[in-house]
Amino acid sequence: MAALNPNRQKFLARLGRKYTVQALRRMGPERRYPILLSLLKQTLIDLTDESIDIFDVCLASRHKKAREALKDYQYEIAETTETHSHLLQAIGDVVLDDAIHDHHLRQAIYHHIPRATLQAAV
């Protein structure tokens, strides 16, 4: 194959696609084999290119989905952080209120923040 010009190989590959099996069988081996080899080489090149294109599309699709998932995850983290910041602010306000004595602190926190909300946050 190295002895054949690349343009000649492409020409022979096109001939190989055009001819029927019967027409190729009627040819002599000196003509048939270069056509078949050129056809097989070009088919390998075409299939390799197509496989790479399909892989590229799949990879781009996975990348897009992963980017969307990361964006959703970051949004959830930001939302959770904001919720916990508000909760910490409310607890801090109750703890720092001098009007509430230490032995009534827990009841005051539960009064301002339901126990179930605090348990869910923890």
PDB file of N, CA and C in Angstrom:
ATOM      1  N   MET A   1       0.828  -1.202   0.000  1.00  0.00           N
ATOM      2  CA  MET A   1       0.000   0.000   0.000  1.00  0.00           C
ATOM      3  C   MET A   1       0.866   1.258   0.000  1.00  0.00           C
ATOM      4  N   ALA A   2       2.047   1.176   0.576  1.00  0.00           N
ATOM      5  CA  ALA A   2       2.915   2.347   0.637  1.00  0.00           C
ATOM      6  C   ALA A   2       3.377   2.765  -0.755  1.00  0.00           C
ATOM      7  N   ALA A   3       3.404   1.822  -1.686  1.00  0.00           N
ATOM      8  CA  ALA A   3       3.857   2.139  -3.038  1.00  0.00           C
ATOM      9  C   ALA A   3       2.801   2.919  -3.825  1.00  0.00           C
ATOM     10  N   LEU A   4       1.555   2.859  -3.378  1.00  0.00           N
ATOM     11  CA  LEU A   4       0.471   3.553  -4.092  1.00  0.00           C
ATOM     12  C   LEU A   4       0.309   4.980  -3.591  1.00  0.00           C
ATOM     13  N   ASN A   5       0.100   5.880  -4.507  1.00  0.00           N
ATOM     14  CA  ASN A   5      -0.175   7.279  -4.198  1.00  0.00           C
ATOM     15  C   ASN A   5      -1.485   7.353  -3.399  1.00  0.00           C
ATOM     16  N   PRO A   6      -1.577   8.219  -2.355  1.00  0.00           N
ATOM     17  CA  PRO A   6      -2.816   8.320  -1.565  1.00  0.00           C
ATOM     18  C   PRO A   6      -4.048   8.658  -2.411  1.00  0.00           C
ATOM     19  N   ASN A   7      -3.872   9.498  -3.421  1.00  0.00           N
ATOM     20  CA  ASN A   7      -5.017   9.810  -4.291  1.00  0.00           C
ATOM     21  C   ASN A   7      -5.442   8.578  -5.085  1.00  0.00           C
ATOM     22  N   ARG A   8      -4.459   7.787  -5.510  1.00  0.00           N
ATOM     23  CA  ARG A   8      -4.773   6.552  -6.230  1.00  0.00           C
ATOM     24  C   ARG A   8      -5.499   5.575  -5.299  1.00  0.00           C
ATOM     25  N   GLN A   9      -5.087   5.514  -4.049  1.00  0.00           N
ATOM     26  CA  GLN A   9      -5.761   4.644  -3.074  1.00  0.00           C
ATOM     27  C   GLN A   9      -7.219   5.055  -2.898  1.00  0.00           C
ATOM     28  N   LYS A  10      -7.478   6.365  -2.813  1.00  0.00           N
ATOM     29  CA  LYS A  10      -8.858   6.846  -2.674  1.00  0.00           C
ATOM     30  C   LYS A  10      -9.676   6.502  -3.917  1.00  0.00           C
ATOM     31  N   PHE A  11      -9.057   6.654  -5.083  1.00  0.00           N
ATOM     32  CA  PHE A  11      -9.741   6.313  -6.330  1.00  0.00           C
ATOM     33  C   PHE A  11     -10.102   4.832  -6.352  1.00  0.00           C
ATOM     34  N   LEU A  12      -9.137   3.994  -5.968  1.00  0.00           N
ATOM     35  CA  LEU A  12      -9.400   2.547  -5.947  1.00  0.00           C
ATOM     36  C   LEU A  12     -10.477   2.195  -4.911  1.00  0.00           C
ATOM     37  N   ALA A  13     -10.490   2.883  -3.784  1.00  0.00           N
ATOM     38  CA  ALA A  13     -11.515   2.634  -2.761  1.00  0.00           C
ATOM     39  C   ALA A  13     -12.895   2.986  -3.304  1.00  0.00           C
ATOM     40  N   ARG A  14     -12.982   4.099  -4.053  1.00  0.00           N
ATOM     41  CA  ARG A  14     -14.280   4.454  -4.664  1.00  0.00           C
ATOM     42  C   ARG A  14     -14.713   3.400  -5.667  1.00  0.00           C
ATOM     43  N   LEU A  15     -13.748   2.871  -6.432  1.00  0.00           N
ATOM     44  CA  LEU A  15     -14.074   1.793  -7.378  1.00  0.00           C
ATOM     45  C   LEU A  15     -14.585   0.563  -6.628  1.00  0.00           C
ATOM     46  N   GLY A  16     -13.919   0.237  -5.519  1.00  0.00           N
ATOM     47  CA  GLY A  16     -14.327  -0.922  -4.721  1.00  0.00           C
ATOM     48  C   GLY A  16     -15.745  -0.783  -4.190  1.00  0.00           C
ATOM     49  N   ARG A  17     -16.146   0.432  -3.843  1.00  0.00           N
ATOM     50  CA  ARG A  17     -17.527   0.656  -3.369  1.00  0.00           C
ATOM     51  C   ARG A  17     -18.532   0.517  -4.514  1.00  0.00           C
ATOM     52  N   LYS A  18     -18.081   0.867  -5.708  1.00  0.00           N
ATOM     53  CA  LYS A  18     -18.982   0.872  -6.862  1.00  0.00           C
ATOM     54  C   LYS A  18     -19.198  -0.527  -7.434  1.00  0.00           C
ATOM     55  N   TYR A  19     -18.146  -1.336  -7.461  1.00  0.00           N
ATOM     56  CA  TYR A  19     -18.229  -2.660  -8.086  1.00  0.00           C
ATOM     57  C   TYR A  19     -19.031  -3.641  -7.227  1.00  0.00           C
ATOM     58  N   THR A  20     -19.666  -4.574  -7.900  1.00  0.00           N
ATOM     59  CA  THR A  20     -20.350  -5.662  -7.198  1.00  0.00           C
ATOM     60  C   THR A  20     -19.344  -6.769  -6.891  1.00  0.00           C
ATOM     61  N   VAL A  21     -19.748  -7.713  -6.069  1.00  0.00           N
ATOM     62  CA  VAL A  21     -18.880  -8.837  -5.727  1.00  0.00           C
ATOM     63  C   VAL A  21     -18.557  -9.643  -6.988  1.00  0.00           C
ATOM     64  N   GLN A  22     -19.547  -9.824  -7.843  1.00  0.00           N
ATOM     65  CA  GLN A  22     -19.337 -10.598  -9.069  1.00  0.00           C
ATOM     66  C   GLN A  22     -18.324  -9.903  -9.982  1.00  0.00           C
ATOM     67  N   ALA A  23     -18.411  -8.578 -10.075  1.00  0.00           N
ATOM     68  CA  ALA A  23     -17.474  -7.846 -10.929  1.00  0.00           C
ATOM     69  C   ALA A  23     -16.055  -7.950 -10.377  1.00  0.00           C
ATOM     70  N   LEU A  24     -15.925  -7.901  -9.065  1.00  0.00           N
ATOM     71  CA  LEU A  24     -14.595  -8.039  -8.456  1.00  0.00           C
ATOM     72  C   LEU A  24     -14.034  -9.440  -8.662  1.00  0.00           C
ATOM     73  N   ARG A  25     -14.879 -10.453  -8.608  1.00  0.00           N
ATOM     74  CA  ARG A  25     -14.416 -11.836  -8.812  1.00  0.00           C
ATOM     75  C   ARG A  25     -13.903 -12.043 -10.237  1.00  0.00           C
ATOM     76  N   ARG A  26     -14.511 -11.367 -11.197  1.00  0.00           N
ATOM     77  CA  ARG A  26     -14.101 -11.533 -12.594  1.00  0.00           C
ATOM     78  C   ARG A  26     -12.764 -10.862 -12.894  1.00  0.00           C
ATOM     79  N   MET A  27     -12.370  -9.918 -12.044  1.00  0.00           N
ATOM     80  CA  MET A  27     -11.096  -9.215 -12.263  1.00  0.00           C
ATOM     81  C   MET A  27      -9.929 -10.139 -11.929  1.00  0.00           C
ATOM     82  N   GLY A  28      -8.805  -9.815 -12.505  1.00  0.00           N
ATOM     83  CA  GLY A  28      -7.588 -10.551 -12.183  1.00  0.00           C
ATOM     84  C   GLY A  28      -7.082 -10.131 -10.808  1.00  0.00           C
ATOM     85  N   PRO A  29      -6.299 -10.987 -10.158  1.00  0.00           N
ATOM     86  CA  PRO A  29      -5.806 -10.673  -8.816  1.00  0.00           C
ATOM     87  C   PRO A  29      -4.959  -9.406  -8.773  1.00  0.00           C
ATOM     88  N   GLU A  30      -4.220  -9.091  -9.851  1.00  0.00           N
ATOM     89  CA  GLU A  30      -3.374  -7.903  -9.858  1.00  0.00           C
ATOM     90  C   GLU A  30      -4.186  -6.616  -9.834  1.00  0.00           C
ATOM     91  N   ARG A  31      -5.449  -6.685 -10.230  1.00  0.00           N
ATOM     92  CA  ARG A  31      -6.321  -5.511 -10.192  1.00  0.00           C
ATOM     93  C   ARG A  31      -7.262  -5.565  -8.985  1.00  0.00           C
ATOM     94  N   ARG A  32      -7.751  -6.757  -8.669  1.00  0.00           N
ATOM     95  CA  ARG A  32      -8.733  -6.928  -7.603  1.00  0.00           C
ATOM     96  C   ARG A  32      -8.142  -6.627  -6.212  1.00  0.00           C
ATOM     97  N   TYR A  33      -6.953  -7.133  -5.914  1.00  0.00           N
ATOM     98  CA  TYR A  33      -6.382  -6.980  -4.573  1.00  0.00           C
ATOM     99  C   TYR A  33      -6.063  -5.525  -4.205  1.00  0.00           C
ATOM    100  N   PRO A  34      -5.480  -4.734  -5.111  1.00  0.00           N
ATOM    101  CA  PRO A  34      -5.276  -3.320  -4.753  1.00  0.00           C
ATOM    102  C   PRO A  34      -6.593  -2.581  -4.482  1.00  0.00           C
ATOM    103  N   ILE A  35      -7.632  -2.938  -5.259  1.00  0.00           N
ATOM    104  CA  ILE A  35      -8.942  -2.311  -5.037  1.00  0.00           C
ATOM    105  C   ILE A  35      -9.487  -2.712  -3.668  1.00  0.00           C
ATOM    106  N   LEU A  36      -9.419  -3.994  -3.345  1.00  0.00           N
ATOM    107  CA  LEU A  36      -9.938  -4.471  -2.059  1.00  0.00           C
ATOM    108  C   LEU A  36      -9.140  -3.910  -0.888  1.00  0.00           C
ATOM    109  N   LEU A  37      -7.819  -3.886  -1.027  1.00  0.00           N
ATOM    110  CA  LEU A  37      -6.996  -3.332   0.051  1.00  0.00           C
ATOM    111  C   LEU A  37      -7.272  -1.844   0.250  1.00  0.00           C
ATOM    112  N   SER A  38      -7.413  -1.112  -0.844  1.00  0.00           N
ATOM    113  CA  SER A  38      -7.717   0.323  -0.742  1.00  0.00           C
ATOM    114  C   SER A  38      -9.083   0.536  -0.108  1.00  0.00           C
ATOM    115  N   LEU A  39     -10.049  -0.301  -0.505  1.00  0.00           N
ATOM    116  CA  LEU A  39     -11.392  -0.212   0.068  1.00  0.00           C
ATOM    117  C   LEU A  39     -11.359  -0.495   1.572  1.00  0.00           C
ATOM    118  N   LEU A  40     -10.646  -1.525   1.981  1.00  0.00           N
ATOM    119  CA  LEU A  40     -10.565  -1.863   3.399  1.00  0.00           C
ATOM    120  C   LEU A  40      -9.849  -0.774   4.190  1.00  0.00           C
ATOM    121  N   LYS A  41      -8.774  -0.240   3.637  1.00  0.00           N
ATOM    122  CA  LYS A  41      -8.045   0.818   4.338  1.00  0.00           C
ATOM    123  C   LYS A  41      -8.922   2.057   4.497  1.00  0.00           C
ATOM    124  N   GLN A  42      -9.619   2.451   3.430  1.00  0.00           N
ATOM    125  CA  GLN A  42     -10.479   3.641   3.500  1.00  0.00           C
ATOM    126  C   GLN A  42     -11.662   3.400   4.440  1.00  0.00           C
ATOM    127  N   THR A  43     -12.195   2.183   4.442  1.00  0.00           N
ATOM    128  CA  THR A  43     -13.290   1.844   5.351  1.00  0.00           C
ATOM    129  C   THR A  43     -12.825   1.926   6.806  1.00  0.00           C
ATOM    130  N   LEU A  44     -11.618   1.442   7.083  1.00  0.00           N
ATOM    131  CA  LEU A  44     -11.059   1.541   8.431  1.00  0.00           C
ATOM    132  C   LEU A  44     -10.918   3.002   8.845  1.00  0.00           C
ATOM    133  N   ILE A  45     -10.402   3.821   7.947  1.00  0.00           N
ATOM    134  CA  ILE A  45     -10.251   5.246   8.247  1.00  0.00           C
ATOM    135  C   ILE A  45     -11.613   5.881   8.510  1.00  0.00           C
ATOM    136  N   ASP A  46     -12.589   5.598   7.660  1.00  0.00           N
ATOM    137  CA  ASP A  46     -13.929   6.186   7.811  1.00  0.00           C
ATOM    138  C   ASP A  46     -14.589   5.747   9.115  1.00  0.00           C
ATOM    139  N   LEU A  47     -14.480   4.462   9.429  1.00  0.00           N
ATOM    140  CA  LEU A  47     -15.101   3.956  10.661  1.00  0.00           C
ATOM    141  C   LEU A  47     -14.406   4.498  11.905  1.00  0.00           C
ATOM    142  N   THR A  48     -13.091   4.652  11.838  1.00  0.00           N
ATOM    143  CA  THR A  48     -12.362   5.235  12.963  1.00  0.00           C
ATOM    144  C   THR A  48     -12.801   6.677  13.192  1.00  0.00           C
ATOM    145  N   ASP A  49     -12.901   7.444  12.101  1.00  0.00           N
ATOM    146  CA  ASP A  49     -13.362   8.829  12.220  1.00  0.00           C
ATOM    147  C   ASP A  49     -14.778   8.906  12.793  1.00  0.00           C
ATOM    148  N   GLU A  50     -15.640   8.039  12.319  1.00  0.00           N
ATOM    149  CA  GLU A  50     -17.020   8.027  12.811  1.00  0.00           C
ATOM    150  C   GLU A  50     -17.085   7.638  14.288  1.00  0.00           C
ATOM    151  N   SER A  51     -16.280   6.665  14.684  1.00  0.00           N
ATOM    152  CA  SER A  51     -16.237   6.257  16.095  1.00  0.00           C
ATOM    153  C   SER A  51     -15.758   7.402  16.983  1.00  0.00           C
ATOM    154  N   ILE A  52     -14.750   8.116  16.521  1.00  0.00           N
ATOM    155  CA  ILE A  52     -14.239   9.257  17.293  1.00  0.00           C
ATOM    156  C   ILE A  52     -15.295  10.340  17.393  1.00  0.00           C
ATOM    157  N   ASP A  53     -16.025  10.593  16.308  1.00  0.00           N
ATOM    158  CA  ASP A  53     -17.101  11.593  16.343  1.00  0.00           C
ATOM    159  C   ASP A  53     -18.191  11.202  17.331  1.00  0.00           C
ATOM    160  N   ILE A  54     -18.573   9.933  17.328  1.00  0.00           N
ATOM    161  CA  ILE A  54     -19.600   9.452  18.263  1.00  0.00           C
ATOM    162  C   ILE A  54     -19.105   9.578  19.702  1.00  0.00           C
ATOM    163  N   PHE A  55     -17.856   9.209  19.934  1.00  0.00           N
ATOM    164  CA  PHE A  55     -17.281   9.331  21.276  1.00  0.00           C
ATOM    165  C   PHE A  55     -17.255  10.792  21.712  1.00  0.00           C
ATOM    166  N   ASP A  56     -16.910  11.681  20.801  1.00  0.00           N
ATOM    167  CA  ASP A  56     -16.862  13.109  21.109  1.00  0.00           C
ATOM    168  C   ASP A  56     -18.242  13.630  21.507  1.00  0.00           C
ATOM    169  N   VAL A  57     -19.275  13.207  20.792  1.00  0.00           N
ATOM    170  CA  VAL A  57     -20.641  13.624  21.125  1.00  0.00           C
ATOM    171  C   VAL A  57     -21.039  13.083  22.496  1.00  0.00           C
ATOM    172  N   CYS A  58     -20.718  11.819  22.773  1.00  0.00           N
ATOM    173  CA  CYS A  58     -21.040  11.222  24.078  1.00  0.00           C
ATOM    174  C   CYS A  58     -20.299  11.943  25.204  1.00  0.00           C
ATOM    175  N   LEU A  59     -19.047  12.242  24.976  1.00  0.00           N
ATOM    176  CA  LEU A  59     -18.251  12.932  25.985  1.00  0.00           C
ATOM    177  C   LEU A  59     -18.798  14.329  26.255  1.00  0.00           C
ATOM    178  N   ALA A  60     -19.181  15.041  25.196  1.00  0.00           N
ATOM    179  CA  ALA A  60     -19.754  16.381  25.364  1.00  0.00           C
ATOM    180  C   ALA A  60     -21.077  16.308  26.128  1.00  0.00           C
ATOM    181  N   SER A  61     -21.873  15.290  25.841  1.00  0.00           N
ATOM    182  CA  SER A  61     -23.150  15.115  26.546  1.00  0.00           C
ATOM    183  C   SER A  61     -22.927  14.843  28.028  1.00  0.00           C
ATOM    184  N   ARG A  62     -22.004  13.958  28.353  1.00  0.00           N
ATOM    185  CA  ARG A  62     -21.682  13.656  29.752  1.00  0.00           C
ATOM    186  C   ARG A  62     -21.146  14.892  30.467  1.00  0.00           C
ATOM    187  N   HIS A  63     -20.309  15.654  29.771  1.00  0.00           N
ATOM    188  CA  HIS A  63     -19.741  16.864  30.365  1.00  0.00           C
ATOM    189  C   HIS A  63     -20.841  17.871  30.687  1.00  0.00           C
ATOM    190  N   LYS A  64     -21.789  18.015  29.769  1.00  0.00           N
ATOM    191  CA  LYS A  64     -22.900  18.950  29.989  1.00  0.00           C
ATOM    192  C   LYS A  64     -23.731  18.512  31.193  1.00  0.00           C
ATOM    193  N   LYS A  65     -24.039  17.212  31.274  1.00  0.00           N
ATOM    194  CA  LYS A  65     -24.828  16.714  32.397  1.00  0.00           C
ATOM    195  C   LYS A  65     -24.080  16.867  33.713  1.00  0.00           C
ATOM    196  N   ALA A  66     -22.782  16.613  33.699  1.00  0.00           N
ATOM    197  CA  ALA A  66     -21.986  16.757  34.919  1.00  0.00           C
ATOM    198  C   ALA A  66     -21.925  18.216  35.356  1.00  0.00           C
ATOM    199  N   ARG A  67     -21.804  19.118  34.398  1.00  0.00           N
ATOM    200  CA  ARG A  67     -21.774  20.544  34.731  1.00  0.00           C
ATOM    201  C   ARG A  67     -23.111  20.983  35.343  1.00  0.00           C
ATOM    202  N   GLU A  68     -24.218  20.502  34.784  1.00  0.00           N
ATOM    203  CA  GLU A  68     -25.537  20.829  35.332  1.00  0.00           C
ATOM    204  C   GLU A  68     -25.698  20.256  36.741  1.00  0.00           C
ATOM    205  N   ALA A  69     -25.232  19.025  36.943  1.00  0.00           N
ATOM    206  CA  ALA A  69     -25.323  18.402  38.268  1.00  0.00           C
ATOM    207  C   ALA A  69     -24.486  19.180  39.283  1.00  0.00           C
ATOM    208  N   LEU A  70     -23.309  19.626  38.882  1.00  0.00           N
ATOM    209  CA  LEU A  70     -22.457  20.409  39.774  1.00  0.00           C
ATOM    210  C   LEU A  70     -23.123  21.733  40.117  1.00  0.00           C
ATOM    211  N   LYS A  71     -23.733  22.349  39.138  1.00  0.00           N
ATOM    212  CA  LYS A  71     -24.430  23.622  39.372  1.00  0.00           C
ATOM    213  C   LYS A  71     -25.579  23.430  40.359  1.00  0.00           C
ATOM    214  N   ASP A  72     -26.349  22.353  40.182  1.00  0.00           N
ATOM    215  CA  ASP A  72     -27.451  22.058  41.110  1.00  0.00           C
ATOM    216  C   ASP A  72     -26.919  21.795  42.516  1.00  0.00           C
ATOM    217  N   TYR A  73     -25.819  21.052  42.626  1.00  0.00           N
ATOM    218  CA  TYR A  73     -25.218  20.739  43.923  1.00  0.00           C
ATOM    219  C   TYR A  73     -24.742  22.013  44.611  1.00  0.00           C
ATOM    220  N   GLN A  74     -24.100  22.893  43.856  1.00  0.00           N
ATOM    221  CA  GLN A  74     -23.613  24.142  44.438  1.00  0.00           C
ATOM    222  C   GLN A  74     -24.785  25.015  44.899  1.00  0.00           C
ATOM    223  N   TYR A  75     -25.882  24.996  44.152  1.00  0.00           N
ATOM    224  CA  TYR A  75     -27.062  25.759  44.549  1.00  0.00           C
ATOM    225  C   TYR A  75     -27.642  25.206  45.849  1.00  0.00           C
ATOM    226  N   GLU A  76     -27.720  23.885  45.959  1.00  0.00           N
ATOM    227  CA  GLU A  76     -28.239  23.271  47.186  1.00  0.00           C
ATOM    228  C   GLU A  76     -27.351  23.604  48.386  1.00  0.00           C
ATOM    229  N   ILE A  77     -26.046  23.579  48.183  1.00  0.00           N
ATOM    230  CA  ILE A  77     -25.109  23.904  49.283  1.00  0.00           C
ATOM    231  C   ILE A  77     -25.307  25.356  49.713  1.00  0.00           C
ATOM    232  N   ALA A  78     -25.438  26.247  48.745  1.00  0.00           N
ATOM    233  CA  ALA A  78     -25.634  27.664  49.078  1.00  0.00           C
ATOM    234  C   ALA A  78     -26.949  27.859  49.829  1.00  0.00           C
ATOM    235  N   GLU A  79     -27.983  27.163  49.387  1.00  0.00           N
ATOM    236  CA  GLU A  79     -29.291  27.273  50.039  1.00  0.00           C
ATOM    237  C   GLU A  79     -29.231  26.743  51.468  1.00  0.00           C
ATOM    238  N   THR A  80     -28.581  25.603  51.662  1.00  0.00           N
ATOM    239  CA  THR A  80     -28.439  25.018  52.995  1.00  0.00           C
ATOM    240  C   THR A  80     -27.615  25.921  53.898  1.00  0.00           C
ATOM    241  N   THR A  81     -26.554  26.474  53.365  1.00  0.00           N
ATOM    242  CA  THR A  81     -25.705  27.376  54.148  1.00  0.00           C
ATOM    243  C   THR A  81     -26.491  28.607  54.591  1.00  0.00           C
ATOM    244  N   GLU A  82     -27.294  29.128  53.697  1.00  0.00           N
ATOM    245  CA  GLU A  82     -28.103  30.305  54.051  1.00  0.00           C
ATOM    246  C   GLU A  82     -29.115  29.962  55.142  1.00  0.00           C
ATOM    247  N   THR A  83     -29.767  28.810  55.020  1.00  0.00           N
ATOM    248  CA  THR A  83     -30.734  28.373  56.026  1.00  0.00           C
ATOM    249  C   THR A  83     -30.059  28.199  57.385  1.00  0.00           C
ATOM    250  N   HIS A  84     -28.902  27.576  57.387  1.00  0.00           N
ATOM    251  CA  HIS A  84     -28.195  27.368  58.658  1.00  0.00           C
ATOM    252  C   HIS A  84     -27.702  28.692  59.245  1.00  0.00           C
ATOM    253  N   SER A  85     -27.345  29.628  58.401  1.00  0.00           N
ATOM    254  CA  SER A  85     -26.916  30.945  58.898  1.00  0.00           C
ATOM    255  C   SER A  85     -28.072  31.652  59.610  1.00  0.00           C
ATOM    256  N   HIS A  86     -29.267  31.577  59.023  1.00  0.00           N
ATOM    257  CA  HIS A  86     -30.442  32.178  59.671  1.00  0.00           C
ATOM    258  C   HIS A  86     -30.742  31.487  60.994  1.00  0.00           C
ATOM    259  N   LEU A  87     -30.614  30.158  60.999  1.00  0.00           N
ATOM    260  CA  LEU A  87     -30.857  29.392  62.218  1.00  0.00           C
ATOM    261  C   LEU A  87     -29.848  29.768  63.303  1.00  0.00           C
ATOM    262  N   LEU A  88     -28.589  29.874  62.935  1.00  0.00           N
ATOM    263  CA  LEU A  88     -27.555  30.262  63.889  1.00  0.00           C
ATOM    264  C   LEU A  88     -27.801  31.675  64.411  1.00  0.00           C
ATOM    265  N   GLN A  89     -28.262  32.562  63.562  1.00  0.00           N
ATOM    266  CA  GLN A  89     -28.575  33.931  63.975  1.00  0.00           C
ATOM    267  C   GLN A  89     -29.696  33.927  65.018  1.00  0.00           C
ATOM    268  N   ALA A  90     -30.742  33.124  64.762  1.00  0.00           N
ATOM    269  CA  ALA A  90     -31.870  33.056  65.697  1.00  0.00           C
ATOM    270  C   ALA A  90     -31.424  32.477  67.042  1.00  0.00           C
ATOM    271  N   ILE A  91     -30.626  31.414  67.017  1.00  0.00           N
ATOM    272  CA  ILE A  91     -30.142  30.815  68.266  1.00  0.00           C
ATOM    273  C   ILE A  91     -29.236  31.803  68.998  1.00  0.00           C
ATOM    274  N   GLY A  92     -28.364  32.466  68.251  1.00  0.00           N
ATOM    275  CA  GLY A  92     -27.468  33.446  68.855  1.00  0.00           C
ATOM    276  C   GLY A  92     -28.228  34.585  69.514  1.00  0.00           C
ATOM    277  N   ASP A  93     -29.296  35.048  68.881  1.00  0.00           N
ATOM    278  CA  ASP A  93     -30.105  36.115  69.480  1.00  0.00           C
ATOM    279  C   ASP A  93     -30.709  35.668  70.809  1.00  0.00           C
ATOM    280  N   VAL A  94     -31.203  34.413  70.838  1.00  0.00           N
ATOM    281  CA  VAL A  94     -31.815  33.904  72.071  1.00  0.00           C
ATOM    282  C   VAL A  94     -30.749  33.722  73.154  1.00  0.00           C
ATOM    283  N   VAL A  95     -29.613  33.158  72.790  1.00  0.00           N
ATOM    284  CA  VAL A  95     -28.552  32.907  73.774  1.00  0.00           C
ATOM    285  C   VAL A  95     -28.020  34.225  74.337  1.00  0.00           C
ATOM    286  N   LEU A  96     -27.908  35.243  73.525  1.00  0.00           N
ATOM    287  CA  LEU A  96     -27.344  36.527  73.972  1.00  0.00           C
ATOM    288  C   LEU A  96     -28.368  37.444  74.654  1.00  0.00           C
ATOM    289  N   ASP A  97     -29.623  37.038  74.672  1.00  0.00           N
ATOM    290  CA  ASP A  97     -30.653  37.850  75.330  1.00  0.00           C
ATOM    291  C   ASP A  97     -30.473  37.730  76.851  1.00  0.00           C
ATOM    292  N   ASP A  98     -30.158  38.833  77.491  1.00  0.00           N
ATOM    293  CA  ASP A  98     -29.918  38.828  78.941  1.00  0.00           C
ATOM    294  C   ASP A  98     -31.189  38.597  79.748  1.00  0.00           C
ATOM    295  N   ALA A  99     -32.343  38.792  79.135  1.00  0.00           N
ATOM    296  CA  ALA A  99     -33.605  38.617  79.845  1.00  0.00           C
ATOM    297  C   ALA A  99     -33.917  37.134  80.087  1.00  0.00           C
ATOM    298  N   ILE A 100     -33.249  36.240  79.338  1.00  0.00           N
ATOM    299  CA  ILE A 100     -33.492  34.799  79.479  1.00  0.00           C
ATOM    300  C   ILE A 100     -32.404  34.220  80.371  1.00  0.00           C
ATOM    301  N   HIS A 101     -32.829  33.557  81.439  1.00  0.00           N
ATOM    302  CA  HIS A 101     -31.894  32.943  82.373  1.00  0.00           C
ATOM    303  C   HIS A 101     -31.385  31.621  81.796  1.00  0.00           C
ATOM    304  N   ASP A 102     -30.228  31.191  82.274  1.00  0.00           N
ATOM    305  CA  ASP A 102     -29.589  29.991  81.737  1.00  0.00           C
ATOM    306  C   ASP A 102     -30.469  28.751  81.840  1.00  0.00           C
ATOM    307  N   HIS A 103     -31.163  28.577  82.934  1.00  0.00           N
ATOM    308  CA  HIS A 103     -31.970  27.359  83.090  1.00  0.00           C
ATOM    309  C   HIS A 103     -33.241  27.404  82.234  1.00  0.00           C
ATOM    310  N   HIS A 104     -33.599  28.542  81.638  1.00  0.00           N
ATOM    311  CA  HIS A 104     -34.751  28.651  80.732  1.00  0.00           C
ATOM    312  C   HIS A 104     -34.308  28.778  79.274  1.00  0.00           C
ATOM    313  N   LEU A 105     -33.010  28.697  79.028  1.00  0.00           N
ATOM    314  CA  LEU A 105     -32.471  28.928  77.688  1.00  0.00           C
ATOM    315  C   LEU A 105     -32.985  27.905  76.670  1.00  0.00           C
ATOM    316  N   ARG A 106     -32.950  26.627  77.065  1.00  0.00           N
ATOM    317  CA  ARG A 106     -33.398  25.591  76.130  1.00  0.00           C
ATOM    318  C   ARG A 106     -34.861  25.783  75.743  1.00  0.00           C
ATOM    319  N   GLN A 107     -35.724  26.065  76.708  1.00  0.00           N
ATOM    320  CA  GLN A 107     -37.136  26.279  76.401  1.00  0.00           C
ATOM    321  C   GLN A 107     -37.300  27.508  75.497  1.00  0.00           C
ATOM    322  N   ALA A 108     -36.516  28.532  75.722  1.00  0.00           N
ATOM    323  CA  ALA A 108     -36.615  29.742  74.897  1.00  0.00           C
ATOM    324  C   ALA A 108     -36.179  29.462  73.455  1.00  0.00           C
ATOM    325  N   ILE A 109     -35.131  28.658  73.303  1.00  0.00           N
ATOM    326  CA  ILE A 109     -34.679  28.307  71.943  1.00  0.00           C
ATOM    327  C   ILE A 109     -35.770  27.515  71.228  1.00  0.00           C
ATOM    328  N   TYR A 110     -36.353  26.527  71.930  1.00  0.00           N
ATOM    329  CA  TYR A 110     -37.419  25.732  71.321  1.00  0.00           C
ATOM    330  C   TYR A 110     -38.662  26.577  71.050  1.00  0.00           C
ATOM    331  N   HIS A 111     -38.857  27.614  71.794  1.00  0.00           N
ATOM    332  CA  HIS A 111     -39.993  28.498  71.564  1.00  0.00           C
ATOM    333  C   HIS A 111     -39.795  29.281  70.249  1.00  0.00           C
ATOM    334  N   HIS A 112     -38.575  29.719  70.012  1.00  0.00           N
ATOM    335  CA  HIS A 112     -38.287  30.499  68.797  1.00  0.00           C
ATOM    336  C   HIS A 112     -38.029  29.610  67.573  1.00  0.00           C
ATOM    337  N   ILE A 113     -37.445  28.441  67.816  1.00  0.00           N
ATOM    338  CA  ILE A 113     -37.121  27.506  66.733  1.00  0.00           C
ATOM    339  C   ILE A 113     -37.701  26.155  67.107  1.00  0.00           C
ATOM    340  N   PRO A 114     -38.618  25.630  66.315  1.00  0.00           N
ATOM    341  CA  PRO A 114     -39.203  24.324  66.633  1.00  0.00           C
ATOM    342  C   PRO A 114     -38.105  23.248  66.725  1.00  0.00           C
ATOM    343  N   ARG A 115     -38.322  22.335  67.659  1.00  0.00           N
ATOM    344  CA  ARG A 115     -37.340  21.261  67.883  1.00  0.00           C
ATOM    345  C   ARG A 115     -37.072  20.455  66.611  1.00  0.00           C
ATOM    346  N   ALA A 116     -38.111  20.199  65.826  1.00  0.00           N
ATOM    347  CA  ALA A 116     -37.951  19.398  64.582  1.00  0.00           C
ATOM    348  C   ALA A 116     -37.053  20.144  63.588  1.00  0.00           C
ATOM    349  N   THR A 117     -37.203  21.468  63.509  1.00  0.00           N
ATOM    350  CA  THR A 117     -36.337  22.256  62.596  1.00  0.00           C
ATOM    351  C   THR A 117     -34.892  22.191  63.039  1.00  0.00           C
ATOM    352  N   LEU A 118     -34.676  22.282  64.336  1.00  0.00           N
ATOM    353  CA  LEU A 118     -33.309  22.222  64.872  1.00  0.00           C
ATOM    354  C   LEU A 118     -32.703  20.832  64.644  1.00  0.00           C
ATOM    355  N   GLN A 119     -33.496  19.777  64.856  1.00  0.00           N
ATOM    356  CA  GLN A 119     -32.998  18.422  64.633  1.00  0.00           C
ATOM    357  C   GLN A 119     -32.658  18.202  63.149  1.00  0.00           C
ATOM    358  N   ALA A 120     -33.496  18.711  62.261  1.00  0.00           N
ATOM    359  CA  ALA A 120     -33.238  18.563  60.835  1.00  0.00           C
ATOM    360  C   ALA A 120     -31.946  19.273  60.434  1.00  0.00           C
ATOM    361  N   ALA A 121     -31.711  20.434  61.019  1.00  0.00           N
ATOM    362  CA  ALA A 121     -30.496  21.201  60.710  1.00  0.00           C
ATOM    363  C   ALA A 121     -29.248  20.490  61.228  1.00  0.00           C
ATOM    364  N   VAL A 122     -29.366  19.925  62.416  1.00  0.00           N
ATOM    365  CA  VAL A 122     -28.222  19.229  63.007  1.00  0.00           C
ATOM    366  C   VAL A 122     -27.982  17.946  62.218  1.00  0.00           C
TER     367      VAL A 122
END
